[in-house]
Amino acid sequence: MPSASTSATPRPGTERPAVALSVGLLKILRCPVSGSSLRQDGDHLVSTSDETLRYAIERGVPKLLAPR
């Protein structure tokens, strides 16, 4: 019986495709740094006022934590 992999890093070619967030959710989410709206770029949300401000979407959940 094959054992299940417990590695946290996905094998090449097995990454999950980006999850599209709903338009309604994108309308209410704001960048925690600039307060501007966000747009989705693959598996990240990007500030519309400063494209260097990017926030990961992990398993469908936006991680809107300001950089330190």
PDB file of N, CA and C in Angstrom:
ATOM      1  N   MET A   1       0.856  -1.181   0.000  1.00  0.00           N
ATOM      2  CA  MET A   1       0.000   0.000   0.000  1.00  0.00           C
ATOM      3  C   MET A   1       0.893   1.231   0.000  1.00  0.00           C
ATOM      4  N   PRO A   2       0.702   2.175  -0.933  1.00  0.00           N
ATOM      5  CA  PRO A   2       1.518   3.391  -0.964  1.00  0.00           C
ATOM      6  C   PRO A   2       1.191   4.293   0.209  1.00  0.00           C
ATOM      7  N   SER A   3       2.226   4.948   0.724  1.00  0.00           N
ATOM      8  CA  SER A   3       2.000   5.852   1.849  1.00  0.00           C
ATOM      9  C   SER A   3       1.680   7.253   1.336  1.00  0.00           C
ATOM     10  N   ALA A   4       0.928   7.998   2.115  1.00  0.00           N
ATOM     11  CA  ALA A   4       0.569   9.376   1.746  1.00  0.00           C
ATOM     12  C   ALA A   4       1.751  10.292   2.016  1.00  0.00           C
ATOM     13  N   SER A   5       1.940  11.243   1.141  1.00  0.00           N
ATOM     14  CA  SER A   5       3.018  12.204   1.309  1.00  0.00           C
ATOM     15  C   SER A   5       2.628  13.233   2.358  1.00  0.00           C
ATOM     16  N   THR A   6       3.553  13.556   3.256  1.00  0.00           N
ATOM     17  CA  THR A   6       3.282  14.548   4.293  1.00  0.00           C
ATOM     18  C   THR A   6       4.050  15.826   4.056  1.00  0.00           C
ATOM     19  N   SER A   7       4.690  15.937   2.915  1.00  0.00           N
ATOM     20  CA  SER A   7       5.483  17.124   2.610  1.00  0.00           C
ATOM     21  C   SER A   7       4.583  18.338   2.427  1.00  0.00           C
ATOM     22  N   ALA A   8       4.994  19.487   2.974  1.00  0.00           N
ATOM     23  CA  ALA A   8       4.233  20.722   2.848  1.00  0.00           C
ATOM     24  C   ALA A   8       4.423  21.363   1.475  1.00  0.00           C
ATOM     25  N   THR A   9       5.478  20.996   0.774  1.00  0.00           N
ATOM     26  CA  THR A   9       5.756  21.551  -0.546  1.00  0.00           C
ATOM     27  C   THR A   9       5.159  20.639  -1.602  1.00  0.00           C
ATOM     28  N   PRO A  10       4.277  21.206  -2.456  1.00  0.00           N
ATOM     29  CA  PRO A  10       3.681  20.340  -3.487  1.00  0.00           C
ATOM     30  C   PRO A  10       4.721  19.898  -4.513  1.00  0.00           C
ATOM     31  N   ARG A  11       4.504  18.723  -5.069  1.00  0.00           N
ATOM     32  CA  ARG A  11       5.388  18.235  -6.116  1.00  0.00           C
ATOM     33  C   ARG A  11       5.181  19.072  -7.373  1.00  0.00           C
ATOM     34  N   PRO A  12       6.204  19.223  -8.188  1.00  0.00           N
ATOM     35  CA  PRO A  12       6.049  19.987  -9.440  1.00  0.00           C
ATOM     36  C   PRO A  12       4.893  19.444 -10.260  1.00  0.00           C
ATOM     37  N   GLY A  13       4.084  20.351 -10.767  1.00  0.00           N
ATOM     38  CA  GLY A  13       2.947  19.960 -11.585  1.00  0.00           C
ATOM     39  C   GLY A  13       1.692  19.634 -10.808  1.00  0.00           C
ATOM     40  N   THR A  14       1.760  19.663  -9.452  1.00  0.00           N
ATOM     41  CA  THR A  14       0.584  19.336  -8.649  1.00  0.00           C
ATOM     42  C   THR A  14       0.035  20.544  -7.898  1.00  0.00           C
ATOM     43  N   GLU A  15       0.541  21.752  -8.219  1.00  0.00           N
ATOM     44  CA  GLU A  15       0.068  22.945  -7.541  1.00  0.00           C
ATOM     45  C   GLU A  15      -1.406  23.163  -7.866  1.00  0.00           C
ATOM     46  N   ARG A  16      -2.142  23.688  -6.910  1.00  0.00           N
ATOM     47  CA  ARG A  16      -3.554  23.987  -7.138  1.00  0.00           C
ATOM     48  C   ARG A  16      -3.683  25.239  -7.992  1.00  0.00           C
ATOM     49  N   PRO A  17      -4.673  25.265  -8.881  1.00  0.00           N
ATOM     50  CA  PRO A  17      -4.876  26.486  -9.659  1.00  0.00           C
ATOM     51  C   PRO A  17      -5.386  27.598  -8.759  1.00  0.00           C
ATOM     52  N   ALA A  18      -5.163  28.832  -9.178  1.00  0.00           N
ATOM     53  CA  ALA A  18      -5.611  29.980  -8.397  1.00  0.00           C
ATOM     54  C   ALA A  18      -7.131  29.944  -8.246  1.00  0.00           C
ATOM     55  N   VAL A  19      -7.601  30.296  -7.054  1.00  0.00           N
ATOM     56  CA  VAL A  19      -9.029  30.362  -6.774  1.00  0.00           C
ATOM     57  C   VAL A  19      -9.500  31.775  -7.075  1.00  0.00           C
ATOM     58  N   ALA A  20     -10.513  31.910  -7.906  1.00  0.00           N
ATOM     59  CA  ALA A  20     -11.048  33.235  -8.234  1.00  0.00           C
ATOM     60  C   ALA A  20     -11.949  33.703  -7.096  1.00  0.00           C
ATOM     61  N   LEU A  21     -11.632  34.851  -6.530  1.00  0.00           N
ATOM     62  CA  LEU A  21     -12.468  35.430  -5.486  1.00  0.00           C
ATOM     63  C   LEU A  21     -13.675  36.102  -6.137  1.00  0.00           C
ATOM     64  N   SER A  22     -14.768  36.154  -5.422  1.00  0.00           N
ATOM     65  CA  SER A  22     -15.980  36.749  -5.982  1.00  0.00           C
ATOM     66  C   SER A  22     -15.816  38.260  -6.146  1.00  0.00           C
ATOM     67  N   VAL A  23     -16.533  38.801  -7.122  1.00  0.00           N
ATOM     68  CA  VAL A  23     -16.502  40.239  -7.380  1.00  0.00           C
ATOM     69  C   VAL A  23     -16.975  40.998  -6.135  1.00  0.00           C
ATOM     70  N   GLY A  24     -17.990  40.473  -5.463  1.00  0.00           N
ATOM     71  CA  GLY A  24     -18.504  41.122  -4.252  1.00  0.00           C
ATOM     72  C   GLY A  24     -17.463  41.219  -3.157  1.00  0.00           C
ATOM     73  N   LEU A  25     -16.670  40.159  -2.993  1.00  0.00           N
ATOM     74  CA  LEU A  25     -15.613  40.178  -1.979  1.00  0.00           C
ATOM     75  C   LEU A  25     -14.524  41.169  -2.364  1.00  0.00           C
ATOM     76  N   LEU A  26     -14.132  41.180  -3.632  1.00  0.00           N
ATOM     77  CA  LEU A  26     -13.100  42.118  -4.072  1.00  0.00           C
ATOM     78  C   LEU A  26     -13.538  43.570  -3.898  1.00  0.00           C
ATOM     79  N   LYS A  27     -14.841  43.829  -3.976  1.00  0.00           N
ATOM     80  CA  LYS A  27     -15.343  45.196  -3.805  1.00  0.00           C
ATOM     81  C   LYS A  27     -15.160  45.700  -2.381  1.00  0.00           C
ATOM     82  N   ILE A  28     -15.202  44.801  -1.393  1.00  0.00           N
ATOM     83  CA  ILE A  28     -15.119  45.258  -0.001  1.00  0.00           C
ATOM     84  C   ILE A  28     -13.718  45.138   0.595  1.00  0.00           C
ATOM     85  N   LEU A  29     -12.865  44.287   0.016  1.00  0.00           N
ATOM     86  CA  LEU A  29     -11.502  44.146   0.542  1.00  0.00           C
ATOM     87  C   LEU A  29     -10.670  45.371   0.207  1.00  0.00           C
ATOM     88  N   ARG A  30      -9.799  45.759   1.136  1.00  0.00           N
ATOM     89  CA  ARG A  30      -8.905  46.906   0.949  1.00  0.00           C
ATOM     90  C   ARG A  30      -7.496  46.526   1.362  1.00  0.00           C
ATOM     91  N   CYS A  31      -6.540  47.191   0.752  1.00  0.00           N
ATOM     92  CA  CYS A  31      -5.136  46.991   1.092  1.00  0.00           C
ATOM     93  C   CYS A  31      -4.923  47.472   2.529  1.00  0.00           C
ATOM     94  N   PRO A  32      -4.308  46.661   3.391  1.00  0.00           N
ATOM     95  CA  PRO A  32      -4.094  47.069   4.780  1.00  0.00           C
ATOM     96  C   PRO A  32      -3.072  48.198   4.939  1.00  0.00           C
ATOM     97  N   VAL A  33      -2.274  48.462   3.919  1.00  0.00           N
ATOM     98  CA  VAL A  33      -1.258  49.510   3.991  1.00  0.00           C
ATOM     99  C   VAL A  33      -1.786  50.823   3.436  1.00  0.00           C
ATOM    100  N   SER A  34      -2.302  50.780   2.203  1.00  0.00           N
ATOM    101  CA  SER A  34      -2.713  52.017   1.530  1.00  0.00           C
ATOM    102  C   SER A  34      -4.204  52.311   1.626  1.00  0.00           C
ATOM    103  N   GLY A  35      -5.001  51.305   1.915  1.00  0.00           N
ATOM    104  CA  GLY A  35      -6.451  51.480   1.962  1.00  0.00           C
ATOM    105  C   GLY A  35      -7.096  51.453   0.589  1.00  0.00           C
ATOM    106  N   SER A  36      -6.307  51.230  -0.458  1.00  0.00           N
ATOM    107  CA  SER A  36      -6.855  51.206  -1.816  1.00  0.00           C
ATOM    108  C   SER A  36      -7.513  49.860  -2.098  1.00  0.00           C
ATOM    109  N   SER A  37      -8.259  49.814  -3.188  1.00  0.00           N
ATOM    110  CA  SER A  37      -8.892  48.559  -3.584  1.00  0.00           C
ATOM    111  C   SER A  37      -7.821  47.577  -4.060  1.00  0.00           C
ATOM    112  N   LEU A  38      -8.233  46.317  -4.197  1.00  0.00           N
ATOM    113  CA  LEU A  38      -7.326  45.252  -4.599  1.00  0.00           C
ATOM    114  C   LEU A  38      -7.846  44.588  -5.865  1.00  0.00           C
ATOM    115  N   ARG A  39      -6.926  44.075  -6.662  1.00  0.00           N
ATOM    116  CA  ARG A  39      -7.308  43.279  -7.822  1.00  0.00           C
ATOM    117  C   ARG A  39      -6.592  41.935  -7.702  1.00  0.00           C
ATOM    118  N   GLN A  40      -7.203  40.907  -8.287  1.00  0.00           N
ATOM    119  CA  GLN A  40      -6.606  39.588  -8.207  1.00  0.00           C
ATOM    120  C   GLN A  40      -5.664  39.360  -9.373  1.00  0.00           C
ATOM    121  N   ASP A  41      -4.485  38.828  -9.054  1.00  0.00           N
ATOM    122  CA  ASP A  41      -3.493  38.455 -10.055  1.00  0.00           C
ATOM    123  C   ASP A  41      -3.055  37.034  -9.715  1.00  0.00           C
ATOM    124  N   GLY A  42      -3.709  36.049 -10.294  1.00  0.00           N
ATOM    125  CA  GLY A  42      -3.400  34.647  -9.995  1.00  0.00           C
ATOM    126  C   GLY A  42      -3.726  34.315  -8.549  1.00  0.00           C
ATOM    127  N   ASP A  43      -2.725  33.890  -7.792  1.00  0.00           N
ATOM    128  CA  ASP A  43      -2.936  33.528  -6.392  1.00  0.00           C
ATOM    129  C   ASP A  43      -2.491  34.638  -5.441  1.00  0.00           C
ATOM    130  N   HIS A  44      -2.580  35.896  -5.911  1.00  0.00           N
ATOM    131  CA  HIS A  44      -2.262  37.067  -5.085  1.00  0.00           C
ATOM    132  C   HIS A  44      -3.294  38.162  -5.301  1.00  0.00           C
ATOM    133  N   LEU A  45      -3.463  38.998  -4.288  1.00  0.00           N
ATOM    134  CA  LEU A  45      -4.203  40.242  -4.426  1.00  0.00           C
ATOM    135  C   LEU A  45      -3.172  41.351  -4.502  1.00  0.00           C
ATOM    136  N   VAL A  46      -3.390  42.307  -5.392  1.00  0.00           N
ATOM    137  CA  VAL A  46      -2.438  43.381  -5.630  1.00  0.00           C
ATOM    138  C   VAL A  46      -3.129  44.713  -5.395  1.00  0.00           C
ATOM    139  N   SER A  47      -2.461  45.597  -4.658  1.00  0.00           N
ATOM    140  CA  SER A  47      -2.995  46.933  -4.409  1.00  0.00           C
ATOM    141  C   SER A  47      -3.071  47.701  -5.721  1.00  0.00           C
ATOM    142  N   THR A  48      -4.187  48.412  -5.941  1.00  0.00           N
ATOM    143  CA  THR A  48      -4.324  49.194  -7.171  1.00  0.00           C
ATOM    144  C   THR A  48      -3.534  50.494  -7.103  1.00  0.00           C
ATOM    145  N   SER A  49      -3.075  50.895  -5.913  1.00  0.00           N
ATOM    146  CA  SER A  49      -2.297  52.126  -5.799  1.00  0.00           C
ATOM    147  C   SER A  49      -0.786  51.888  -5.826  1.00  0.00           C
ATOM    148  N   ASP A  50      -0.352  50.664  -5.518  1.00  0.00           N
ATOM    149  CA  ASP A  50       1.079  50.346  -5.475  1.00  0.00           C
ATOM    150  C   ASP A  50       1.234  48.852  -5.750  1.00  0.00           C
ATOM    151  N   GLU A  51       1.657  48.504  -6.946  1.00  0.00           N
ATOM    152  CA  GLU A  51       1.718  47.100  -7.340  1.00  0.00           C
ATOM    153  C   GLU A  51       2.772  46.285  -6.599  1.00  0.00           C
ATOM    154  N   THR A  52       3.600  46.938  -5.788  1.00  0.00           N
ATOM    155  CA  THR A  52       4.565  46.184  -4.990  1.00  0.00           C
ATOM    156  C   THR A  52       3.907  45.598  -3.741  1.00  0.00           C
ATOM    157  N   LEU A  53       2.709  46.064  -3.416  1.00  0.00           N
ATOM    158  CA  LEU A  53       1.964  45.533  -2.278  1.00  0.00           C
ATOM    159  C   LEU A  53       1.121  44.363  -2.762  1.00  0.00           C
ATOM    160  N   ARG A  54       1.591  43.150  -2.456  1.00  0.00           N
ATOM    161  CA  ARG A  54       0.944  41.918  -2.907  1.00  0.00           C
ATOM    162  C   ARG A  54       0.644  41.044  -1.700  1.00  0.00           C
ATOM    163  N   TYR A  55      -0.503  40.379  -1.741  1.00  0.00           N
ATOM    164  CA  TYR A  55      -0.953  39.547  -0.625  1.00  0.00           C
ATOM    165  C   TYR A  55      -1.371  38.181  -1.166  1.00  0.00           C
ATOM    166  N   ALA A  56      -0.836  37.138  -0.570  1.00  0.00           N
ATOM    167  CA  ALA A  56      -1.104  35.774  -1.024  1.00  0.00           C
ATOM    168  C   ALA A  56      -2.543  35.365  -0.727  1.00  0.00           C
ATOM    169  N   ILE A  57      -3.064  34.500  -1.585  1.00  0.00           N
ATOM    170  CA  ILE A  57      -4.333  33.824  -1.345  1.00  0.00           C
ATOM    171  C   ILE A  57      -3.980  32.367  -1.131  1.00  0.00           C
ATOM    172  N   GLU A  58      -4.214  31.864   0.072  1.00  0.00           N
ATOM    173  CA  GLU A  58      -3.867  30.488   0.407  1.00  0.00           C
ATOM    174  C   GLU A  58      -5.136  29.697   0.678  1.00  0.00           C
ATOM    175  N   ARG A  59      -5.365  28.664  -0.141  1.00  0.00           N
ATOM    176  CA  ARG A  59      -6.560  27.821  -0.031  1.00  0.00           C
ATOM    177  C   ARG A  59      -7.842  28.645  -0.043  1.00  0.00           C
ATOM    178  N   GLY A  60      -7.870  29.675  -0.875  1.00  0.00           N
ATOM    179  CA  GLY A  60      -9.057  30.507  -1.029  1.00  0.00           C
ATOM    180  C   GLY A  60      -9.200  31.615  -0.012  1.00  0.00           C
ATOM    181  N   VAL A  61      -8.210  31.768   0.886  1.00  0.00           N
ATOM    182  CA  VAL A  61      -8.280  32.769   1.946  1.00  0.00           C
ATOM    183  C   VAL A  61      -7.207  33.839   1.713  1.00  0.00           C
ATOM    184  N   PRO A  62      -7.612  35.099   1.512  1.00  0.00           N
ATOM    185  CA  PRO A  62      -6.621  36.167   1.350  1.00  0.00           C
ATOM    186  C   PRO A  62      -5.881  36.420   2.661  1.00  0.00           C
ATOM    187  N   LYS A  63      -4.575  36.501   2.600  1.00  0.00           N
ATOM    188  CA  LYS A  63      -3.733  36.784   3.767  1.00  0.00           C
ATOM    189  C   LYS A  63      -3.358  38.263   3.730  1.00  0.00           C
ATOM    190  N   LEU A  64      -4.218  39.093   4.285  1.00  0.00           N
ATOM    191  CA  LEU A  64      -4.038  40.548   4.211  1.00  0.00           C
ATOM    192  C   LEU A  64      -3.279  41.066   5.424  1.00  0.00           C
ATOM    193  N   LEU A  65      -2.029  40.661   5.522  1.00  0.00           N
ATOM    194  CA  LEU A  65      -1.162  41.110   6.610  1.00  0.00           C
ATOM    195  C   LEU A  65      -0.169  42.116   6.061  1.00  0.00           C
ATOM    196  N   ALA A  66      -0.082  43.278   6.711  1.00  0.00           N
ATOM    197  CA  ALA A  66       0.850  44.319   6.273  1.00  0.00           C
ATOM    198  C   ALA A  66       2.278  43.833   6.482  1.00  0.00           C
ATOM    199  N   PRO A  67       3.171  44.128   5.536  1.00  0.00           N
ATOM    200  CA  PRO A  67       4.578  43.738   5.716  1.00  0.00           C
ATOM    201  C   PRO A  67       5.186  44.479   6.896  1.00  0.00           C
ATOM    202  N   ARG A  68       6.145  43.842   7.524  1.00  0.00           N
ATOM    203  CA  ARG A  68       6.794  44.455   8.697  1.00  0.00           C
ATOM    204  C   ARG A  68       7.926  45.333   8.290  1.00  0.00           C
TER     205      ARG A  68
END
